[in-house]
């Protein structure tokens, strides 16, 4: 917790407690979050600078697959987005269970990355993996054009335009 909350008034501290309490309805939790996030902690105690993120090491057995996905990203970018998207790091994850992939956009200004579930690559057809990559590239388009990163109307429109399903969760 940020040290600046030590100077917070009681209603802000009560909001933090409410937010962290069990069995709090979602609406109440969101209202509590709004209260404590609005408190200017940085005016009371300076935030510590974040350590620079280290680049993720690539396992040697993943190198060829990541290079192939990166090349497909270049091709999809040219074919579907007119080359407008930035080059992006692609990683594989052993931790994803329900998601097939994700666009990770760090808040600290570090570069974005696309992460694909290794389980998806092992279980599903290559065409399905490429659909997932293209799905995440639509999120990349959202991020790079200042749009909200969601599965809303604009996302669904662009997903259909590039020929990919806008579905967000796999049937695993």
N, C-alpha and C. Protein backbone atom coordinates (compact mmCIF):
# COMPACT_ATOMS: atom_id res chain seq x y z
N UNK A 1 0.85 -1.17 0.00
CA UNK A 1 0.00 0.00 0.00
C UNK A 1 0.90 1.23 0.00
N UNK A 2 0.46 2.25 -0.68
CA UNK A 2 1.23 3.49 -0.80
C UNK A 2 1.27 4.21 0.55
N UNK A 3 2.43 4.69 0.93
CA UNK A 3 2.59 5.38 2.21
C UNK A 3 1.77 6.66 2.29
N UNK A 4 1.41 7.25 1.18
CA UNK A 4 0.62 8.46 1.17
C UNK A 4 -0.76 8.29 1.79
N UNK A 5 -1.26 7.05 1.86
CA UNK A 5 -2.55 6.82 2.49
C UNK A 5 -2.51 7.04 4.00
N UNK A 6 -1.32 7.16 4.59
CA UNK A 6 -1.22 7.44 6.02
C UNK A 6 -1.81 8.82 6.33
N UNK A 7 -1.81 9.71 5.36
CA UNK A 7 -2.37 11.05 5.55
C UNK A 7 -3.83 11.14 5.12
N UNK A 8 -4.42 10.04 4.73
CA UNK A 8 -5.79 10.05 4.21
C UNK A 8 -6.79 10.24 5.33
N UNK A 9 -7.90 10.94 5.02
CA UNK A 9 -8.96 11.08 6.02
C UNK A 9 -9.69 9.75 6.24
N UNK A 10 -10.47 9.70 7.28
CA UNK A 10 -11.15 8.47 7.67
C UNK A 10 -12.01 7.87 6.56
N UNK A 11 -12.73 8.70 5.81
CA UNK A 11 -13.63 8.14 4.79
C UNK A 11 -12.84 7.42 3.69
N UNK A 12 -11.61 7.86 3.41
CA UNK A 12 -10.78 7.18 2.42
C UNK A 12 -10.30 5.84 2.97
N UNK A 13 -9.88 5.86 4.23
CA UNK A 13 -9.42 4.60 4.86
C UNK A 13 -10.58 3.60 4.97
N UNK A 14 -11.76 4.09 5.28
CA UNK A 14 -12.94 3.22 5.35
C UNK A 14 -13.26 2.63 3.97
N UNK A 15 -13.03 3.41 2.92
CA UNK A 15 -13.25 2.92 1.56
C UNK A 15 -12.27 1.79 1.24
N UNK A 16 -11.03 1.93 1.69
CA UNK A 16 -10.03 0.88 1.46
C UNK A 16 -10.46 -0.41 2.16
N UNK A 17 -10.89 -0.27 3.40
CA UNK A 17 -11.34 -1.44 4.16
C UNK A 17 -12.54 -2.09 3.47
N UNK A 18 -13.48 -1.25 3.03
CA UNK A 18 -14.67 -1.77 2.33
C UNK A 18 -14.27 -2.52 1.07
N UNK A 19 -13.34 -1.94 0.32
CA UNK A 19 -12.88 -2.55 -0.93
C UNK A 19 -12.24 -3.92 -0.67
N UNK A 20 -11.50 -4.04 0.41
CA UNK A 20 -10.78 -5.28 0.71
C UNK A 20 -11.62 -6.32 1.46
N UNK A 21 -12.78 -5.93 1.94
CA UNK A 21 -13.63 -6.85 2.71
C UNK A 21 -14.23 -7.92 1.80
N UNK A 22 -14.46 -9.07 2.40
CA UNK A 22 -15.10 -10.17 1.66
C UNK A 22 -16.59 -9.92 1.51
N UNK A 23 -17.14 -10.53 0.49
CA UNK A 23 -18.58 -10.53 0.23
C UNK A 23 -19.17 -9.13 0.10
N UNK A 24 -18.41 -8.23 -0.49
CA UNK A 24 -18.92 -6.88 -0.76
C UNK A 24 -19.45 -6.89 -2.18
N UNK A 25 -20.67 -6.42 -2.39
CA UNK A 25 -21.21 -6.40 -3.75
C UNK A 25 -20.32 -5.59 -4.70
N UNK A 26 -20.29 -5.98 -5.93
CA UNK A 26 -19.43 -5.37 -6.93
C UNK A 26 -19.64 -3.85 -7.02
N UNK A 27 -20.88 -3.41 -6.95
CA UNK A 27 -21.18 -1.98 -7.06
C UNK A 27 -20.56 -1.22 -5.89
N UNK A 28 -20.67 -1.77 -4.69
CA UNK A 28 -20.08 -1.11 -3.51
C UNK A 28 -18.56 -1.12 -3.58
N UNK A 29 -18.00 -2.23 -4.05
CA UNK A 29 -16.55 -2.31 -4.18
C UNK A 29 -16.05 -1.27 -5.19
N UNK A 30 -16.76 -1.11 -6.29
CA UNK A 30 -16.37 -0.12 -7.30
C UNK A 30 -16.46 1.30 -6.75
N UNK A 31 -17.51 1.57 -5.96
CA UNK A 31 -17.66 2.90 -5.36
C UNK A 31 -16.53 3.18 -4.37
N UNK A 32 -16.19 2.17 -3.57
CA UNK A 32 -15.09 2.33 -2.61
C UNK A 32 -13.77 2.56 -3.33
N UNK A 33 -13.54 1.83 -4.40
CA UNK A 33 -12.31 2.00 -5.18
C UNK A 33 -12.20 3.42 -5.74
N UNK A 34 -13.31 3.92 -6.21
CA UNK A 34 -13.34 5.28 -6.77
C UNK A 34 -12.92 6.30 -5.71
N UNK A 35 -13.38 6.10 -4.47
CA UNK A 35 -13.05 7.02 -3.39
C UNK A 35 -11.56 6.99 -3.07
N UNK A 36 -10.99 5.79 -2.84
CA UNK A 36 -9.59 5.79 -2.43
C UNK A 36 -8.63 6.06 -3.58
N UNK A 37 -9.02 5.74 -4.81
CA UNK A 37 -8.15 6.04 -5.94
C UNK A 37 -8.11 7.55 -6.24
N UNK A 38 -9.15 8.28 -5.83
CA UNK A 38 -9.19 9.72 -6.06
C UNK A 38 -8.30 10.48 -5.07
N UNK A 39 -7.91 9.82 -3.98
CA UNK A 39 -7.08 10.50 -2.98
C UNK A 39 -5.67 10.67 -3.54
N UNK A 40 -5.13 11.90 -3.52
CA UNK A 40 -3.81 12.18 -4.12
C UNK A 40 -2.65 11.76 -3.23
N UNK A 41 -2.36 10.49 -3.19
CA UNK A 41 -1.29 9.97 -2.32
C UNK A 41 0.07 10.61 -2.64
N UNK A 42 0.30 10.90 -3.93
CA UNK A 42 1.60 11.44 -4.33
C UNK A 42 1.84 12.85 -3.78
N UNK A 43 0.77 13.53 -3.32
CA UNK A 43 0.94 14.86 -2.72
C UNK A 43 1.47 14.75 -1.30
N UNK A 44 1.35 13.56 -0.71
CA UNK A 44 1.77 13.37 0.68
C UNK A 44 3.09 12.63 0.79
N UNK A 45 3.32 11.70 -0.07
CA UNK A 45 4.57 10.94 -0.11
C UNK A 45 4.87 10.64 -1.57
N UNK A 46 6.08 10.93 -2.00
CA UNK A 46 6.45 10.67 -3.39
C UNK A 46 6.45 9.16 -3.66
N UNK A 47 5.99 8.80 -4.83
CA UNK A 47 6.01 7.39 -5.22
C UNK A 47 7.44 6.97 -5.53
N UNK A 48 7.75 5.73 -5.21
CA UNK A 48 9.06 5.19 -5.56
C UNK A 48 9.11 4.92 -7.05
N UNK A 49 10.23 5.23 -7.67
CA UNK A 49 10.32 4.88 -9.10
C UNK A 49 10.33 3.36 -9.25
N UNK A 50 9.64 2.90 -10.27
CA UNK A 50 9.59 1.46 -10.53
C UNK A 50 10.89 1.00 -11.16
N UNK A 51 11.27 -0.19 -10.79
CA UNK A 51 12.46 -0.78 -11.41
C UNK A 51 12.15 -1.11 -12.86
N UNK A 52 13.13 -0.97 -13.71
CA UNK A 52 12.93 -1.30 -15.12
C UNK A 52 12.65 -2.79 -15.24
N UNK A 53 11.69 -3.11 -16.10
CA UNK A 53 11.36 -4.52 -16.33
C UNK A 53 12.46 -5.17 -17.16
N UNK A 54 12.81 -6.36 -16.74
CA UNK A 54 13.78 -7.11 -17.51
C UNK A 54 13.07 -7.80 -18.66
N UNK A 55 13.76 -7.90 -19.77
CA UNK A 55 13.19 -8.61 -20.92
C UNK A 55 13.01 -10.08 -20.53
N UNK A 56 11.91 -10.65 -20.98
CA UNK A 56 11.65 -12.07 -20.69
C UNK A 56 12.62 -12.92 -21.50
N UNK A 57 13.26 -13.87 -20.84
CA UNK A 57 14.12 -14.77 -21.62
C UNK A 57 13.26 -15.71 -22.46
N UNK A 58 13.74 -16.03 -23.63
CA UNK A 58 13.03 -16.94 -24.53
C UNK A 58 13.69 -18.31 -24.43
N UNK A 59 12.89 -19.31 -24.10
CA UNK A 59 13.42 -20.68 -24.03
C UNK A 59 13.87 -21.09 -25.42
N UNK A 60 15.01 -21.75 -25.54
CA UNK A 60 15.53 -22.13 -26.85
C UNK A 60 14.52 -22.92 -27.69
N UNK A 61 13.72 -23.77 -27.04
CA UNK A 61 12.74 -24.57 -27.78
C UNK A 61 11.58 -23.72 -28.31
N UNK A 62 11.42 -22.51 -27.77
CA UNK A 62 10.35 -21.61 -28.22
C UNK A 62 10.80 -20.66 -29.32
N UNK A 63 12.08 -20.53 -29.52
CA UNK A 63 12.60 -19.50 -30.42
C UNK A 63 12.02 -19.60 -31.84
N UNK A 64 12.01 -20.77 -32.42
CA UNK A 64 11.50 -20.92 -33.79
C UNK A 64 10.01 -20.59 -33.87
N UNK A 65 9.24 -21.01 -32.87
CA UNK A 65 7.81 -20.74 -32.85
C UNK A 65 7.54 -19.24 -32.71
N UNK A 66 8.27 -18.59 -31.84
CA UNK A 66 8.10 -17.14 -31.65
C UNK A 66 8.50 -16.39 -32.91
N UNK A 67 9.56 -16.83 -33.56
CA UNK A 67 9.97 -16.19 -34.82
C UNK A 67 8.88 -16.35 -35.87
N UNK A 68 8.26 -17.52 -35.91
CA UNK A 68 7.18 -17.77 -36.88
C UNK A 68 5.96 -16.88 -36.58
N UNK A 69 5.58 -16.79 -35.31
CA UNK A 69 4.46 -15.92 -34.92
C UNK A 69 4.78 -14.45 -35.21
N UNK A 70 6.02 -14.06 -34.98
CA UNK A 70 6.43 -12.68 -35.26
C UNK A 70 6.34 -12.39 -36.75
N UNK A 71 6.74 -13.34 -37.58
CA UNK A 71 6.65 -13.16 -39.03
C UNK A 71 5.19 -13.07 -39.48
N UNK A 72 4.33 -13.89 -38.88
CA UNK A 72 2.90 -13.83 -39.21
C UNK A 72 2.33 -12.48 -38.77
N UNK A 73 2.78 -11.97 -37.63
CA UNK A 73 2.35 -10.64 -37.17
C UNK A 73 2.68 -9.59 -38.23
N UNK A 74 3.88 -9.65 -38.78
CA UNK A 74 4.29 -8.71 -39.84
C UNK A 74 3.35 -8.84 -41.04
N UNK A 75 3.07 -10.07 -41.45
CA UNK A 75 2.20 -10.31 -42.61
C UNK A 75 0.77 -9.83 -42.34
N UNK A 76 0.22 -10.17 -41.16
CA UNK A 76 -1.13 -9.73 -40.82
C UNK A 76 -1.19 -8.20 -40.73
N UNK A 77 -0.15 -7.60 -40.16
CA UNK A 77 -0.10 -6.15 -40.04
C UNK A 77 -0.18 -5.50 -41.41
N UNK A 78 0.59 -6.01 -42.36
CA UNK A 78 0.57 -5.46 -43.72
C UNK A 78 -0.77 -5.71 -44.39
N UNK A 79 -1.30 -6.91 -44.25
CA UNK A 79 -2.52 -7.29 -44.96
C UNK A 79 -3.80 -6.75 -44.37
N UNK A 80 -3.87 -6.63 -43.05
CA UNK A 80 -5.13 -6.24 -42.40
C UNK A 80 -5.12 -4.83 -41.81
N UNK A 81 -3.94 -4.31 -41.51
CA UNK A 81 -3.87 -3.02 -40.83
C UNK A 81 -3.05 -1.99 -41.62
N UNK A 82 -2.72 -2.34 -42.86
CA UNK A 82 -1.96 -1.41 -43.70
C UNK A 82 -0.59 -1.10 -43.16
N UNK A 83 -0.03 -1.99 -42.35
CA UNK A 83 1.30 -1.78 -41.78
C UNK A 83 1.32 -0.75 -40.66
N UNK A 84 0.16 -0.38 -40.13
CA UNK A 84 0.07 0.70 -39.14
C UNK A 84 0.49 0.28 -37.73
N UNK A 85 0.47 -1.02 -37.42
CA UNK A 85 0.80 -1.46 -36.07
C UNK A 85 2.31 -1.52 -35.87
N UNK A 86 2.72 -1.28 -34.63
CA UNK A 86 4.13 -1.36 -34.27
C UNK A 86 4.56 -2.82 -34.18
N UNK A 87 5.86 -3.04 -34.35
CA UNK A 87 6.41 -4.37 -34.06
C UNK A 87 6.20 -4.60 -32.57
N UNK A 88 5.96 -5.84 -32.19
CA UNK A 88 5.63 -6.14 -30.79
C UNK A 88 6.26 -7.47 -30.39
N UNK A 89 6.67 -7.56 -29.14
CA UNK A 89 7.21 -8.81 -28.63
C UNK A 89 6.07 -9.82 -28.47
N UNK A 90 6.36 -11.07 -28.80
CA UNK A 90 5.39 -12.15 -28.63
C UNK A 90 6.01 -13.17 -27.69
N UNK A 91 5.22 -13.59 -26.70
CA UNK A 91 5.69 -14.56 -25.71
C UNK A 91 4.68 -15.68 -25.58
N UNK A 92 5.13 -16.79 -25.02
CA UNK A 92 4.26 -17.93 -24.73
C UNK A 92 4.09 -18.04 -23.22
N UNK A 93 2.93 -18.50 -22.79
CA UNK A 93 2.65 -18.62 -21.36
C UNK A 93 2.15 -20.01 -21.02
N UNK A 94 2.66 -20.54 -19.92
CA UNK A 94 2.18 -21.81 -19.38
C UNK A 94 1.07 -21.58 -18.36
N UNK A 95 0.81 -20.33 -17.98
CA UNK A 95 -0.11 -20.02 -16.89
C UNK A 95 -1.55 -19.83 -17.33
N UNK A 96 -1.79 -19.53 -18.59
CA UNK A 96 -3.15 -19.27 -19.05
C UNK A 96 -3.95 -20.57 -19.09
N UNK A 97 -5.13 -20.55 -18.51
CA UNK A 97 -5.99 -21.72 -18.51
C UNK A 97 -7.24 -21.48 -19.35
N UNK A 98 -7.88 -20.34 -19.17
CA UNK A 98 -9.11 -20.06 -19.92
C UNK A 98 -8.86 -19.17 -21.12
N UNK A 99 -7.84 -18.33 -21.05
CA UNK A 99 -7.57 -17.42 -22.16
C UNK A 99 -6.63 -18.09 -23.15
N UNK A 100 -6.83 -17.76 -24.41
CA UNK A 100 -5.95 -18.27 -25.46
C UNK A 100 -4.78 -17.33 -25.69
N UNK A 101 -5.02 -16.06 -25.45
CA UNK A 101 -3.98 -15.06 -25.62
C UNK A 101 -4.40 -13.77 -24.95
N UNK A 102 -3.46 -12.83 -24.90
CA UNK A 102 -3.78 -11.52 -24.35
C UNK A 102 -2.79 -10.50 -24.87
N UNK A 103 -3.25 -9.27 -24.94
CA UNK A 103 -2.37 -8.14 -25.19
C UNK A 103 -2.05 -7.57 -23.83
N UNK A 104 -0.78 -7.51 -23.48
CA UNK A 104 -0.37 -6.97 -22.20
C UNK A 104 0.20 -5.58 -22.44
N UNK A 105 -0.47 -4.56 -21.90
CA UNK A 105 -0.02 -3.18 -22.03
C UNK A 105 0.33 -2.68 -20.63
N UNK A 106 1.61 -2.67 -20.27
CA UNK A 106 2.00 -2.22 -18.94
C UNK A 106 1.67 -0.75 -18.73
N UNK A 107 1.36 -0.38 -17.52
CA UNK A 107 1.03 1.01 -17.21
C UNK A 107 2.27 1.86 -16.99
N UNK A 108 3.42 1.21 -16.83
CA UNK A 108 4.63 1.97 -16.52
C UNK A 108 5.37 2.44 -17.77
N UNK A 109 4.73 2.38 -18.92
CA UNK A 109 5.36 2.86 -20.14
C UNK A 109 6.23 1.83 -20.84
N UNK A 110 6.35 0.63 -20.27
CA UNK A 110 7.11 -0.43 -20.93
C UNK A 110 6.36 -0.83 -22.21
N UNK A 111 7.07 -1.40 -23.17
CA UNK A 111 6.39 -1.78 -24.42
C UNK A 111 5.35 -2.88 -24.21
N UNK A 112 4.33 -2.82 -25.03
CA UNK A 112 3.28 -3.83 -25.00
C UNK A 112 3.81 -5.15 -25.55
N UNK A 113 3.10 -6.23 -25.25
CA UNK A 113 3.47 -7.54 -25.77
C UNK A 113 2.22 -8.38 -25.95
N UNK A 114 2.31 -9.32 -26.87
CA UNK A 114 1.23 -10.29 -27.06
C UNK A 114 1.70 -11.59 -26.44
N UNK A 115 0.82 -12.20 -25.65
CA UNK A 115 1.12 -13.46 -25.00
C UNK A 115 0.11 -14.49 -25.49
N UNK A 116 0.61 -15.63 -25.93
CA UNK A 116 -0.22 -16.72 -26.42
C UNK A 116 -0.06 -17.92 -25.47
N UNK A 117 -1.17 -18.57 -25.17
CA UNK A 117 -1.14 -19.73 -24.27
C UNK A 117 -0.44 -20.91 -24.96
N UNK A 118 0.56 -21.43 -24.31
CA UNK A 118 1.28 -22.60 -24.84
C UNK A 118 0.32 -23.78 -24.99
N UNK A 119 -0.62 -23.90 -24.07
CA UNK A 119 -1.61 -24.97 -24.12
C UNK A 119 -2.44 -24.89 -25.41
N UNK A 120 -2.77 -23.68 -25.81
CA UNK A 120 -3.52 -23.45 -27.05
C UNK A 120 -2.71 -23.94 -28.26
N UNK A 121 -1.44 -23.64 -28.25
CA UNK A 121 -0.58 -24.06 -29.37
C UNK A 121 -0.48 -25.58 -29.43
N UNK A 122 -0.37 -26.22 -28.26
CA UNK A 122 -0.25 -27.69 -28.22
C UNK A 122 -1.55 -28.39 -28.64
N UNK A 123 -2.69 -27.85 -28.23
CA UNK A 123 -3.97 -28.54 -28.39
C UNK A 123 -4.70 -28.25 -29.70
N UNK A 124 -4.57 -27.02 -30.18
CA UNK A 124 -5.45 -26.58 -31.26
C UNK A 124 -4.71 -26.48 -32.59
N UNK A 125 -5.50 -26.37 -33.64
CA UNK A 125 -4.93 -26.23 -34.98
C UNK A 125 -4.15 -24.93 -35.09
N UNK A 126 -3.18 -24.92 -35.99
CA UNK A 126 -2.37 -23.72 -36.21
C UNK A 126 -3.26 -22.56 -36.65
N UNK A 127 -4.30 -22.84 -37.44
CA UNK A 127 -5.22 -21.79 -37.89
C UNK A 127 -5.90 -21.12 -36.70
N UNK A 128 -6.23 -21.88 -35.66
CA UNK A 128 -6.85 -21.31 -34.47
C UNK A 128 -5.87 -20.41 -33.72
N UNK A 129 -4.60 -20.81 -33.67
CA UNK A 129 -3.57 -19.99 -33.03
C UNK A 129 -3.42 -18.68 -33.79
N UNK A 130 -3.45 -18.75 -35.12
CA UNK A 130 -3.33 -17.53 -35.92
C UNK A 130 -4.54 -16.63 -35.73
N UNK A 131 -5.73 -17.22 -35.56
CA UNK A 131 -6.92 -16.41 -35.24
C UNK A 131 -6.74 -15.68 -33.92
N UNK A 132 -6.16 -16.36 -32.95
CA UNK A 132 -5.90 -15.74 -31.65
C UNK A 132 -4.91 -14.60 -31.80
N UNK A 133 -3.87 -14.81 -32.57
CA UNK A 133 -2.89 -13.74 -32.81
C UNK A 133 -3.59 -12.53 -33.44
N UNK A 134 -4.42 -12.76 -34.43
CA UNK A 134 -5.11 -11.67 -35.10
C UNK A 134 -6.09 -10.98 -34.14
N UNK A 135 -6.75 -11.75 -33.29
CA UNK A 135 -7.64 -11.19 -32.27
C UNK A 135 -6.85 -10.22 -31.38
N UNK A 136 -5.67 -10.67 -30.94
CA UNK A 136 -4.84 -9.81 -30.07
C UNK A 136 -4.31 -8.60 -30.84
N UNK A 137 -4.11 -8.76 -32.14
CA UNK A 137 -3.68 -7.62 -32.94
C UNK A 137 -4.78 -6.57 -33.05
N UNK A 138 -6.04 -6.99 -33.01
CA UNK A 138 -7.13 -6.01 -32.99
C UNK A 138 -7.07 -5.22 -31.68
N UNK A 139 -6.75 -5.91 -30.57
CA UNK A 139 -6.55 -5.19 -29.30
C UNK A 139 -5.34 -4.25 -29.41
N UNK A 140 -4.29 -4.69 -30.07
CA UNK A 140 -3.12 -3.83 -30.28
C UNK A 140 -3.53 -2.58 -31.06
N UNK A 141 -4.36 -2.76 -32.08
CA UNK A 141 -4.87 -1.63 -32.85
C UNK A 141 -5.64 -0.67 -31.94
N UNK A 142 -6.47 -1.23 -31.05
CA UNK A 142 -7.21 -0.39 -30.10
C UNK A 142 -6.24 0.43 -29.25
N UNK A 143 -5.23 -0.25 -28.70
CA UNK A 143 -4.27 0.43 -27.82
C UNK A 143 -3.50 1.52 -28.56
N UNK A 144 -3.07 1.22 -29.77
CA UNK A 144 -2.22 2.16 -30.50
C UNK A 144 -3.00 3.31 -31.11
N UNK A 145 -4.32 3.19 -31.18
CA UNK A 145 -5.13 4.28 -31.71
C UNK A 145 -5.90 5.01 -30.60
N UNK A 146 -5.56 4.71 -29.34
CA UNK A 146 -6.16 5.42 -28.22
C UNK A 146 -7.57 5.01 -27.88
N UNK A 147 -8.00 3.89 -28.39
CA UNK A 147 -9.35 3.39 -28.07
C UNK A 147 -9.30 2.55 -26.80
N UNK A 148 -10.45 2.39 -26.15
CA UNK A 148 -10.47 1.49 -24.99
C UNK A 148 -10.18 0.05 -25.45
N UNK A 149 -9.43 -0.67 -24.65
CA UNK A 149 -9.11 -2.06 -24.98
C UNK A 149 -10.20 -2.92 -24.36
N UNK A 150 -11.15 -3.31 -25.20
CA UNK A 150 -12.30 -4.08 -24.73
C UNK A 150 -12.83 -4.92 -25.87
N UNK A 151 -13.96 -5.56 -25.65
CA UNK A 151 -14.61 -6.36 -26.69
C UNK A 151 -15.92 -5.70 -27.11
N UNK A 152 -15.93 -4.38 -27.07
CA UNK A 152 -17.12 -3.62 -27.40
C UNK A 152 -17.40 -3.55 -28.89
N UNK A 153 -18.27 -2.61 -29.23
CA UNK A 153 -18.76 -2.47 -30.60
C UNK A 153 -17.63 -2.24 -31.62
N UNK A 154 -16.70 -1.33 -31.29
CA UNK A 154 -15.60 -1.05 -32.22
C UNK A 154 -14.70 -2.27 -32.41
N UNK A 155 -14.46 -2.99 -31.30
CA UNK A 155 -13.64 -4.20 -31.40
C UNK A 155 -14.32 -5.21 -32.32
N UNK A 156 -15.60 -5.45 -32.10
CA UNK A 156 -16.32 -6.44 -32.91
C UNK A 156 -16.35 -6.05 -34.38
N UNK A 157 -16.51 -4.76 -34.65
CA UNK A 157 -16.51 -4.28 -36.03
C UNK A 157 -15.15 -4.55 -36.69
N UNK A 158 -14.08 -4.19 -36.00
CA UNK A 158 -12.74 -4.38 -36.57
C UNK A 158 -12.41 -5.88 -36.68
N UNK A 159 -12.81 -6.66 -35.70
CA UNK A 159 -12.56 -8.11 -35.74
C UNK A 159 -13.23 -8.72 -36.98
N UNK A 160 -14.48 -8.35 -37.22
CA UNK A 160 -15.16 -8.86 -38.42
C UNK A 160 -14.48 -8.37 -39.69
N UNK A 161 -14.02 -7.12 -39.67
CA UNK A 161 -13.36 -6.54 -40.84
C UNK A 161 -12.09 -7.31 -41.20
N UNK A 162 -11.33 -7.75 -40.19
CA UNK A 162 -10.09 -8.49 -40.48
C UNK A 162 -10.33 -9.99 -40.59
N UNK A 163 -11.59 -10.43 -40.34
CA UNK A 163 -11.93 -11.83 -40.56
C UNK A 163 -11.66 -12.75 -39.40
N UNK A 164 -11.81 -12.24 -38.17
CA UNK A 164 -11.56 -13.07 -37.00
C UNK A 164 -12.77 -12.97 -36.07
N UNK A 165 -13.01 -14.03 -35.32
CA UNK A 165 -14.12 -14.05 -34.37
C UNK A 165 -13.80 -13.12 -33.19
N UNK A 166 -14.75 -12.30 -32.77
CA UNK A 166 -14.51 -11.42 -31.64
C UNK A 166 -14.64 -12.10 -30.28
N UNK A 167 -14.86 -13.41 -30.25
CA UNK A 167 -15.01 -14.11 -28.97
C UNK A 167 -13.77 -13.94 -28.11
N UNK A 168 -13.97 -13.82 -26.81
CA UNK A 168 -12.87 -13.51 -25.92
C UNK A 168 -12.38 -14.71 -25.10
N UNK A 169 -13.19 -15.76 -24.96
CA UNK A 169 -12.84 -16.88 -24.08
C UNK A 169 -12.99 -18.19 -24.84
N UNK A 170 -12.08 -19.09 -24.59
CA UNK A 170 -12.11 -20.39 -25.26
C UNK A 170 -13.08 -21.34 -24.57
N UNK A 171 -13.52 -22.32 -25.30
CA UNK A 171 -14.32 -23.39 -24.73
C UNK A 171 -13.37 -24.54 -24.37
N UNK A 172 -12.70 -24.41 -23.25
CA UNK A 172 -11.72 -25.43 -22.85
C UNK A 172 -12.30 -26.45 -21.92
